[in-house]
Amino acid sequence: MPAAYFRSYQRGSSLLDELTAVVVLSVGLLGLAGLQGRVQNIAAGAENQTIALSLAQSRLERLRGVAGDPGRAGEGYVQIAPSEETVTSVGGQHLDAPLTLRVDVARFRLQPGSATEPARYVAVENAEPFENAVPEFKRVTVAAIWTGRDGATHRFALPGIVSPGAF
């Protein structure tokens, strides 16, 4: 039989086919590896946000607990003031970057109304003495600030209202 007859029935692939397959497979694997890196960064960012939110909620609840202690007759409420602290670990787990918790406080007291104006809450200085008989509250904002793996500064604020336990 002639040689041309055998070549028409040969099976297999050429070197060019193999190289094309390797290139396509490599591009796909590189894309998958890049995607995995981005997914890890997103997961780390979500974890940092969860930790920051948990710490901010905890701080706000502690302030409410101090203010609402009926046995202290407003002593804890008076001590609530602006503050800032840096957290580097939570429960023995070190954070990727330090997280700053900033507490901002604005104090409001009920101003009695008159014949022409209704009673309303007005801002007062923290230095003014606390009077148990006059209704008031403090608007507390706990802000969490941290730097993510991407180098960007992330921030969110958790607002709340705190009032003395007497009311």
N, C-alpha and C. Protein backbone atom coordinates (compact mmCIF):
# COMPACT_ATOMS: atom_id res chain seq x y z
N MET A 1 0.84 -1.17 0.00
CA MET A 1 0.00 0.00 0.00
C MET A 1 0.89 1.24 0.00
N PRO A 2 0.41 2.30 -0.64
CA PRO A 2 1.20 3.52 -0.71
C PRO A 2 1.25 4.22 0.65
N ALA A 3 2.29 5.04 0.87
CA ALA A 3 2.50 5.75 2.12
C ALA A 3 1.40 6.77 2.37
N ALA A 4 0.85 7.36 1.32
CA ALA A 4 -0.21 8.36 1.47
C ALA A 4 -1.44 7.74 2.11
N TYR A 5 -1.67 6.47 1.86
CA TYR A 5 -2.83 5.79 2.41
C TYR A 5 -2.74 5.72 3.93
N PHE A 6 -1.55 5.47 4.46
CA PHE A 6 -1.39 5.35 5.91
C PHE A 6 -1.47 6.71 6.60
N ARG A 7 -0.99 7.76 5.95
CA ARG A 7 -1.02 9.09 6.57
C ARG A 7 -2.46 9.59 6.74
N SER A 8 -3.35 9.25 5.89
CA SER A 8 -4.72 9.73 5.99
C SER A 8 -5.45 9.10 7.17
N TYR A 9 -4.98 8.00 7.67
CA TYR A 9 -5.64 7.35 8.81
C TYR A 9 -4.91 7.57 10.13
N GLN A 10 -3.86 8.34 10.14
CA GLN A 10 -3.11 8.56 11.38
C GLN A 10 -3.91 9.45 12.31
N ARG A 11 -3.86 9.15 13.57
CA ARG A 11 -4.55 9.93 14.60
C ARG A 11 -3.49 10.61 15.46
N GLY A 12 -3.89 11.69 16.20
CA GLY A 12 -2.95 12.38 17.08
C GLY A 12 -3.04 13.88 16.85
N SER A 13 -2.15 14.58 17.50
CA SER A 13 -2.16 16.03 17.37
C SER A 13 -0.74 16.51 17.09
N SER A 14 -0.69 17.68 16.55
CA SER A 14 0.62 18.23 16.21
C SER A 14 1.17 18.99 17.40
N LEU A 15 2.41 19.37 17.33
CA LEU A 15 3.06 20.15 18.38
C LEU A 15 2.37 21.51 18.55
N LEU A 16 1.91 22.08 17.47
CA LEU A 16 1.20 23.36 17.52
C LEU A 16 -0.10 23.23 18.31
N ASP A 17 -0.83 22.16 18.14
CA ASP A 17 -2.06 21.92 18.90
C ASP A 17 -1.75 21.83 20.41
N GLU A 18 -0.69 21.14 20.74
CA GLU A 18 -0.30 20.97 22.14
C GLU A 18 0.10 22.30 22.76
N LEU A 19 0.86 23.10 22.06
CA LEU A 19 1.29 24.40 22.57
C LEU A 19 0.09 25.34 22.75
N THR A 20 -0.85 25.30 21.84
CA THR A 20 -2.06 26.12 21.96
C THR A 20 -2.85 25.72 23.20
N ALA A 21 -2.98 24.45 23.44
CA ALA A 21 -3.71 23.96 24.61
C ALA A 21 -3.03 24.38 25.90
N VAL A 22 -1.71 24.32 25.94
CA VAL A 22 -0.95 24.72 27.13
C VAL A 22 -1.13 26.22 27.39
N VAL A 23 -1.08 27.02 26.35
CA VAL A 23 -1.25 28.47 26.50
C VAL A 23 -2.66 28.79 27.02
N VAL A 24 -3.67 28.18 26.44
CA VAL A 24 -5.05 28.43 26.89
C VAL A 24 -5.22 28.01 28.34
N LEU A 25 -4.70 26.87 28.70
CA LEU A 25 -4.78 26.38 30.08
C LEU A 25 -4.02 27.31 31.03
N SER A 26 -2.87 27.78 30.65
CA SER A 26 -2.07 28.69 31.48
C SER A 26 -2.80 30.00 31.72
N VAL A 27 -3.39 30.56 30.69
CA VAL A 27 -4.13 31.81 30.84
C VAL A 27 -5.30 31.61 31.80
N GLY A 28 -5.99 30.51 31.68
CA GLY A 28 -7.11 30.23 32.59
C GLY A 28 -6.65 30.07 34.02
N LEU A 29 -5.55 29.37 34.25
CA LEU A 29 -5.04 29.18 35.61
C LEU A 29 -4.55 30.49 36.21
N LEU A 30 -3.90 31.35 35.41
CA LEU A 30 -3.45 32.65 35.90
C LEU A 30 -4.65 33.52 36.28
N GLY A 31 -5.68 33.50 35.50
CA GLY A 31 -6.90 34.25 35.83
C GLY A 31 -7.52 33.75 37.12
N LEU A 32 -7.54 32.45 37.31
CA LEU A 32 -8.08 31.86 38.52
C LEU A 32 -7.24 32.24 39.74
N ALA A 33 -5.92 32.26 39.59
CA ALA A 33 -5.04 32.65 40.70
C ALA A 33 -5.26 34.12 41.07
N GLY A 34 -5.41 34.99 40.07
CA GLY A 34 -5.68 36.39 40.34
C GLY A 34 -7.01 36.59 41.04
N LEU A 35 -7.99 35.83 40.64
CA LEU A 35 -9.31 35.90 41.26
C LEU A 35 -9.23 35.46 42.72
N GLN A 36 -8.45 34.43 42.99
CA GLN A 36 -8.31 33.94 44.35
C GLN A 36 -7.70 35.01 45.25
N GLY A 37 -6.72 35.76 44.74
CA GLY A 37 -6.12 36.84 45.52
C GLY A 37 -7.12 37.93 45.85
N ARG A 38 -7.93 38.29 44.86
CA ARG A 38 -8.95 39.32 45.10
C ARG A 38 -9.99 38.84 46.10
N VAL A 39 -10.38 37.58 46.01
CA VAL A 39 -11.37 37.03 46.95
C VAL A 39 -10.81 37.05 48.37
N GLN A 40 -9.53 36.74 48.53
CA GLN A 40 -8.91 36.78 49.86
C GLN A 40 -8.89 38.20 50.41
N ASN A 41 -8.60 39.20 49.57
CA ASN A 41 -8.61 40.59 50.02
C ASN A 41 -10.01 41.04 50.42
N ILE A 42 -11.01 40.63 49.66
CA ILE A 42 -12.39 40.98 49.99
C ILE A 42 -12.80 40.32 51.30
N ALA A 43 -12.42 39.08 51.49
CA ALA A 43 -12.76 38.37 52.74
C ALA A 43 -12.07 39.03 53.93
N ALA A 44 -10.81 39.45 53.77
CA ALA A 44 -10.10 40.13 54.86
C ALA A 44 -10.77 41.46 55.18
N GLY A 45 -11.20 42.19 54.14
CA GLY A 45 -11.90 43.45 54.36
C GLY A 45 -13.22 43.25 55.10
N ALA A 46 -13.94 42.21 54.74
CA ALA A 46 -15.20 41.90 55.41
C ALA A 46 -14.96 41.52 56.87
N GLU A 47 -13.89 40.80 57.12
CA GLU A 47 -13.56 40.42 58.49
C GLU A 47 -13.21 41.66 59.32
N ASN A 48 -12.44 42.57 58.74
CA ASN A 48 -12.10 43.82 59.44
C ASN A 48 -13.35 44.64 59.73
N GLN A 49 -14.27 44.72 58.78
CA GLN A 49 -15.52 45.46 59.00
C GLN A 49 -16.35 44.82 60.11
N THR A 50 -16.39 43.51 60.14
CA THR A 50 -17.16 42.80 61.17
C THR A 50 -16.57 43.06 62.55
N ILE A 51 -15.25 42.99 62.65
CA ILE A 51 -14.59 43.24 63.93
C ILE A 51 -14.82 44.68 64.36
N ALA A 52 -14.69 45.63 63.43
CA ALA A 52 -14.88 47.04 63.76
C ALA A 52 -16.31 47.31 64.23
N LEU A 53 -17.28 46.74 63.54
CA LEU A 53 -18.68 46.92 63.93
C LEU A 53 -18.94 46.32 65.31
N SER A 54 -18.40 45.14 65.56
CA SER A 54 -18.59 44.49 66.85
C SER A 54 -17.99 45.32 67.98
N LEU A 55 -16.79 45.86 67.76
CA LEU A 55 -16.16 46.70 68.79
C LEU A 55 -16.95 47.99 69.02
N ALA A 56 -17.43 48.60 67.95
CA ALA A 56 -18.21 49.84 68.08
C ALA A 56 -19.52 49.58 68.83
N GLN A 57 -20.20 48.49 68.48
CA GLN A 57 -21.45 48.15 69.18
C GLN A 57 -21.19 47.88 70.66
N SER A 58 -20.11 47.16 70.94
CA SER A 58 -19.77 46.85 72.32
C SER A 58 -19.50 48.13 73.11
N ARG A 59 -18.75 49.06 72.51
CA ARG A 59 -18.46 50.32 73.20
C ARG A 59 -19.75 51.10 73.47
N LEU A 60 -20.63 51.19 72.49
CA LEU A 60 -21.88 51.92 72.66
C LEU A 60 -22.74 51.28 73.75
N GLU A 61 -22.81 49.96 73.79
CA GLU A 61 -23.60 49.28 74.82
C GLU A 61 -22.99 49.47 76.20
N ARG A 62 -21.66 49.49 76.30
CA ARG A 62 -21.02 49.75 77.60
C ARG A 62 -21.37 51.16 78.09
N LEU A 63 -21.37 52.13 77.16
CA LEU A 63 -21.72 53.51 77.55
C LEU A 63 -23.17 53.57 78.01
N ARG A 64 -24.05 52.87 77.34
CA ARG A 64 -25.46 52.84 77.76
C ARG A 64 -25.61 52.17 79.12
N GLY A 65 -24.83 51.13 79.36
CA GLY A 65 -24.89 50.44 80.65
C GLY A 65 -24.40 51.31 81.79
N VAL A 66 -23.33 52.06 81.55
CA VAL A 66 -22.80 52.96 82.58
C VAL A 66 -23.80 54.07 82.86
N ALA A 67 -24.40 54.61 81.82
CA ALA A 67 -25.34 55.72 81.98
C ALA A 67 -26.64 55.27 82.63
N GLY A 68 -27.06 54.06 82.36
CA GLY A 68 -28.36 53.60 82.82
C GLY A 68 -28.35 52.92 84.17
N ASP A 69 -27.22 52.91 84.87
CA ASP A 69 -27.14 52.25 86.17
C ASP A 69 -27.96 53.03 87.19
N PRO A 70 -29.14 52.50 87.59
CA PRO A 70 -30.01 53.27 88.49
C PRO A 70 -29.41 53.47 89.88
N GLY A 71 -28.50 52.64 90.29
CA GLY A 71 -27.90 52.78 91.62
C GLY A 71 -26.92 53.94 91.70
N ARG A 72 -26.49 54.45 90.58
CA ARG A 72 -25.47 55.51 90.60
C ARG A 72 -26.06 56.90 90.41
N ALA A 73 -27.34 57.02 90.17
CA ALA A 73 -28.06 58.30 90.08
C ALA A 73 -27.37 59.30 89.17
N GLY A 74 -27.03 58.88 87.97
CA GLY A 74 -26.47 59.80 86.99
C GLY A 74 -24.95 59.94 87.01
N GLU A 75 -24.26 59.31 87.96
CA GLU A 75 -22.80 59.44 88.05
C GLU A 75 -22.11 58.91 86.79
N GLY A 76 -22.54 57.77 86.32
CA GLY A 76 -21.94 57.19 85.12
C GLY A 76 -22.24 58.02 83.88
N TYR A 77 -23.43 58.55 83.82
CA TYR A 77 -23.84 59.39 82.70
C TYR A 77 -22.95 60.62 82.60
N VAL A 78 -22.66 61.25 83.71
CA VAL A 78 -21.84 62.46 83.75
C VAL A 78 -20.43 62.16 83.23
N GLN A 79 -19.93 60.97 83.46
CA GLN A 79 -18.56 60.62 83.07
C GLN A 79 -18.42 60.32 81.58
N ILE A 80 -19.51 60.19 80.86
CA ILE A 80 -19.42 59.91 79.43
C ILE A 80 -18.92 61.15 78.72
N ALA A 81 -17.74 61.02 78.11
CA ALA A 81 -17.09 62.16 77.45
C ALA A 81 -16.39 61.66 76.19
N PRO A 82 -16.01 62.57 75.31
CA PRO A 82 -15.28 62.15 74.11
C PRO A 82 -14.00 61.41 74.48
N SER A 83 -13.68 60.40 73.69
CA SER A 83 -12.47 59.61 73.94
C SER A 83 -12.00 58.97 72.65
N GLU A 84 -10.80 58.41 72.72
CA GLU A 84 -10.24 57.71 71.57
C GLU A 84 -9.31 56.63 72.09
N GLU A 85 -9.40 55.44 71.48
CA GLU A 85 -8.48 54.35 71.86
C GLU A 85 -8.10 53.56 70.62
N THR A 86 -6.94 52.96 70.66
CA THR A 86 -6.45 52.13 69.56
C THR A 86 -6.47 50.68 69.99
N VAL A 87 -7.07 49.84 69.16
CA VAL A 87 -7.19 48.41 69.44
C VAL A 87 -6.28 47.66 68.46
N THR A 88 -5.41 46.80 68.99
CA THR A 88 -4.51 46.04 68.13
C THR A 88 -4.84 44.56 68.10
N SER A 89 -5.61 44.09 69.08
CA SER A 89 -6.00 42.68 69.09
C SER A 89 -7.35 42.53 69.76
N VAL A 90 -8.04 41.47 69.38
CA VAL A 90 -9.36 41.17 69.94
C VAL A 90 -9.35 39.71 70.35
N GLY A 91 -9.54 39.46 71.62
CA GLY A 91 -9.58 38.10 72.11
C GLY A 91 -8.33 37.29 71.78
N GLY A 92 -7.17 37.92 71.84
CA GLY A 92 -5.92 37.23 71.54
C GLY A 92 -5.58 37.16 70.06
N GLN A 93 -6.50 37.58 69.21
CA GLN A 93 -6.26 37.58 67.76
C GLN A 93 -5.78 38.97 67.35
N HIS A 94 -4.57 39.04 66.78
CA HIS A 94 -4.04 40.32 66.34
C HIS A 94 -4.72 40.75 65.05
N LEU A 95 -5.02 42.03 64.98
CA LEU A 95 -5.67 42.58 63.79
C LEU A 95 -4.62 42.85 62.71
N ASP A 96 -5.06 42.88 61.45
CA ASP A 96 -4.15 43.20 60.34
C ASP A 96 -3.53 44.58 60.52
N ALA A 97 -4.32 45.52 60.97
CA ALA A 97 -3.87 46.89 61.20
C ALA A 97 -4.58 47.41 62.44
N PRO A 98 -3.96 48.33 63.18
CA PRO A 98 -4.63 48.88 64.37
C PRO A 98 -5.95 49.55 63.99
N LEU A 99 -6.90 49.42 64.87
CA LEU A 99 -8.23 50.00 64.66
C LEU A 99 -8.44 51.06 65.74
N THR A 100 -8.87 52.23 65.33
CA THR A 100 -9.11 53.32 66.28
C THR A 100 -10.60 53.47 66.51
N LEU A 101 -10.99 53.49 67.80
CA LEU A 101 -12.37 53.74 68.17
C LEU A 101 -12.44 55.15 68.76
N ARG A 102 -13.19 56.02 68.11
CA ARG A 102 -13.34 57.41 68.56
C ARG A 102 -14.78 57.61 69.01
N VAL A 103 -14.94 58.13 70.22
CA VAL A 103 -16.26 58.42 70.77
C VAL A 103 -16.46 59.93 70.77
N ASP A 104 -17.45 60.40 70.04
CA ASP A 104 -17.82 61.82 70.02
C ASP A 104 -19.13 61.97 70.79
N VAL A 105 -19.20 62.98 71.63
CA VAL A 105 -20.36 63.17 72.49
C VAL A 105 -20.88 64.59 72.35
N ALA A 106 -22.19 64.72 72.16
CA ALA A 106 -22.87 66.02 72.17
C ALA A 106 -24.00 65.93 73.20
N ARG A 107 -24.07 66.92 74.07
CA ARG A 107 -25.03 66.90 75.18
C ARG A 107 -26.19 67.84 74.88
N PHE A 108 -27.40 67.38 75.18
CA PHE A 108 -28.61 68.17 74.94
C PHE A 108 -29.48 68.18 76.20
N ARG A 109 -30.04 69.35 76.51
CA ARG A 109 -30.88 69.50 77.70
C ARG A 109 -32.20 70.13 77.29
N LEU A 110 -33.28 69.74 77.99
CA LEU A 110 -34.60 70.30 77.70
C LEU A 110 -34.66 71.74 78.19
N GLN A 111 -34.98 72.62 77.24
CA GLN A 111 -35.17 74.03 77.58
C GLN A 111 -36.67 74.26 77.69
N PRO A 112 -37.10 74.74 78.84
CA PRO A 112 -38.55 74.94 79.02
C PRO A 112 -39.10 75.91 77.99
N GLY A 113 -40.32 75.68 77.61
CA GLY A 113 -40.98 76.54 76.64
C GLY A 113 -41.57 77.78 77.30
N SER A 114 -42.10 78.61 76.46
CA SER A 114 -42.76 79.81 76.94
C SER A 114 -44.14 79.87 76.28
N ALA A 115 -44.79 80.97 76.45
CA ALA A 115 -46.11 81.13 75.85
C ALA A 115 -46.03 81.16 74.33
N THR A 116 -44.89 81.60 73.80
CA THR A 116 -44.76 81.71 72.34
C THR A 116 -43.94 80.58 71.72
N GLU A 117 -43.12 79.91 72.51
CA GLU A 117 -42.26 78.84 71.97
C GLU A 117 -42.46 77.55 72.76
N PRO A 118 -42.47 76.42 72.06
CA PRO A 118 -42.59 75.14 72.78
C PRO A 118 -41.25 74.75 73.42
N ALA A 119 -41.31 73.84 74.35
CA ALA A 119 -40.09 73.31 74.96
C ALA A 119 -39.30 72.55 73.90
N ARG A 120 -37.97 72.62 73.98
CA ARG A 120 -37.13 71.91 73.00
C ARG A 120 -35.78 71.59 73.63
N TYR A 121 -35.11 70.63 73.03
CA TYR A 121 -33.78 70.26 73.48
C TYR A 121 -32.75 71.15 72.79
N VAL A 122 -31.81 71.67 73.58
CA VAL A 122 -30.76 72.52 73.04
C VAL A 122 -29.41 71.95 73.46
N ALA A 123 -28.40 72.20 72.65
CA ALA A 123 -27.05 71.74 72.95
C ALA A 123 -26.50 72.52 74.13
N VAL A 124 -25.83 71.80 75.04
CA VAL A 124 -25.18 72.44 76.19
C VAL A 124 -23.74 71.93 76.27
N GLU A 125 -22.91 72.67 76.93
CA GLU A 125 -21.51 72.29 77.11
C GLU A 125 -21.41 71.18 78.14
N ASN A 126 -20.42 70.31 77.96
CA ASN A 126 -20.21 69.24 78.92
C ASN A 126 -19.79 69.77 80.28
N ALA A 127 -19.24 70.98 80.33
CA ALA A 127 -18.78 71.56 81.59
C ALA A 127 -19.94 71.98 82.50
N GLU A 128 -21.12 72.20 81.94
CA GLU A 128 -22.26 72.61 82.76
C GLU A 128 -22.65 71.47 83.70
N PRO A 129 -23.01 71.80 84.92
CA PRO A 129 -23.34 70.73 85.89
C PRO A 129 -24.60 69.97 85.49
N PHE A 130 -24.59 68.69 85.83
CA PHE A 130 -25.74 67.83 85.56
C PHE A 130 -26.80 68.06 86.64
N GLU A 131 -28.03 68.26 86.20
CA GLU A 131 -29.15 68.42 87.13
C GLU A 131 -30.09 67.24 86.93
N ASN A 132 -30.26 66.47 87.96
CA ASN A 132 -31.08 65.26 87.88
C ASN A 132 -32.53 65.57 87.53
N ALA A 133 -33.01 66.75 87.88
CA ALA A 133 -34.42 67.08 87.67
C ALA A 133 -34.72 67.57 86.26
N VAL A 134 -33.69 67.90 85.47
CA VAL A 134 -33.90 68.43 84.12
C VAL A 134 -33.60 67.33 83.10
N PRO A 135 -34.57 66.97 82.27
CA PRO A 135 -34.34 65.91 81.28
C PRO A 135 -33.24 66.30 80.28
N GLU A 136 -32.37 65.36 80.02
CA GLU A 136 -31.33 65.59 79.02
C GLU A 136 -30.87 64.25 78.45
N PHE A 137 -30.10 64.32 77.37
CA PHE A 137 -29.51 63.12 76.77
C PHE A 137 -28.21 63.50 76.10
N LYS A 138 -27.44 62.49 75.77
CA LYS A 138 -26.19 62.70 75.03
C LYS A 138 -26.28 61.91 73.73
N ARG A 139 -25.95 62.60 72.65
CA ARG A 139 -25.85 61.92 71.35
C ARG A 139 -24.41 61.43 71.24
N VAL A 140 -24.26 60.12 71.20
CA VAL A 140 -22.94 59.50 71.18
C VAL A 140 -22.73 58.86 69.81
N THR A 141 -21.58 59.14 69.22
CA THR A 141 -21.22 58.52 67.95
C THR A 141 -19.90 57.79 68.14
N VAL A 142 -19.93 56.48 67.92
CA VAL A 142 -18.70 55.69 68.01
C VAL A 142 -18.23 55.44 66.58
N ALA A 143 -17.06 55.98 66.26
CA ALA A 143 -16.50 55.83 64.91
C ALA A 143 -15.35 54.82 64.97
N ALA A 144 -15.32 53.93 64.00
CA ALA A 144 -14.23 52.96 63.86
C ALA A 144 -13.43 53.35 62.62
N ILE A 145 -12.11 53.45 62.76
CA ILE A 145 -11.24 53.87 61.67
C ILE A 145 -10.08 52.90 61.58
N TRP A 146 -9.80 52.39 60.38
CA TRP A 146 -8.67 51.49 60.18
C TRP A 146 -8.18 51.59 58.75
N THR A 147 -6.98 51.07 58.54
CA THR A 147 -6.39 51.04 57.21
C THR A 147 -6.44 49.61 56.70
N GLY A 148 -7.02 49.42 55.53
CA GLY A 148 -7.17 48.08 54.96
C GLY A 148 -5.90 47.61 54.27
N ARG A 149 -5.93 46.39 53.79
CA ARG A 149 -4.78 45.83 53.06
C ARG A 149 -4.48 46.60 51.80
N ASP A 150 -5.50 47.26 51.26
CA ASP A 150 -5.31 48.03 50.04
C ASP A 150 -4.67 49.38 50.29
N GLY A 151 -4.41 49.70 51.57
CA GLY A 151 -3.78 50.97 51.93
C GLY A 151 -4.77 52.11 52.11
N ALA A 152 -6.03 51.86 51.83
CA ALA A 152 -7.06 52.89 51.97
C ALA A 152 -7.56 52.95 53.41
N THR A 153 -7.91 54.14 53.87
CA THR A 153 -8.47 54.32 55.20
C THR A 153 -9.97 54.07 55.13
N HIS A 154 -10.44 53.19 56.01
CA HIS A 154 -11.86 52.86 56.07
C HIS A 154 -12.43 53.42 57.37
N ARG A 155 -13.68 53.84 57.31
CA ARG A 155 -14.30 54.47 58.47
C ARG A 155 -15.81 54.26 58.42
N PHE A 156 -16.40 54.04 59.57
CA PHE A 156 -17.86 54.10 59.67
C PHE A 156 -18.20 54.60 61.08
N ALA A 157 -19.38 55.14 61.21
CA ALA A 157 -19.82 55.70 62.49
C ALA A 157 -21.12 55.04 62.92
N LEU A 158 -21.20 54.73 64.18
CA LEU A 158 -22.38 54.11 64.77
C LEU A 158 -22.98 55.09 65.77
N PRO A 159 -24.11 55.72 65.43
CA PRO A 159 -24.70 56.72 66.33
C PRO A 159 -25.62 56.07 67.36
N GLY A 160 -25.79 56.77 68.48
CA GLY A 160 -26.68 56.29 69.50
C GLY A 160 -27.06 57.42 70.46
N ILE A 161 -28.07 57.17 71.27
CA ILE A 161 -28.54 58.13 72.26
C ILE A 161 -28.36 57.49 73.62
N VAL A 162 -27.82 58.26 74.56
CA VAL A 162 -27.60 57.78 75.93
C VAL A 162 -28.27 58.77 76.87
N SER A 163 -29.01 58.24 77.81
CA SER A 163 -29.65 59.12 78.80
C SER A 163 -29.36 58.59 80.21
N PRO A 164 -29.45 59.45 81.20
CA PRO A 164 -29.18 59.00 82.57
C PRO A 164 -30.23 57.98 83.04
N GLY A 165 -29.83 57.14 83.95
CA GLY A 165 -30.74 56.10 84.46
C GLY A 165 -31.91 56.65 85.22
N ALA A 166 -31.86 57.93 85.59
CA ALA A 166 -32.94 58.54 86.37
C ALA A 166 -34.21 58.70 85.55
N PHE A 167 -34.10 58.71 84.21
CA PHE A 167 -35.28 58.99 83.37
C PHE A 167 -35.83 57.73 82.78
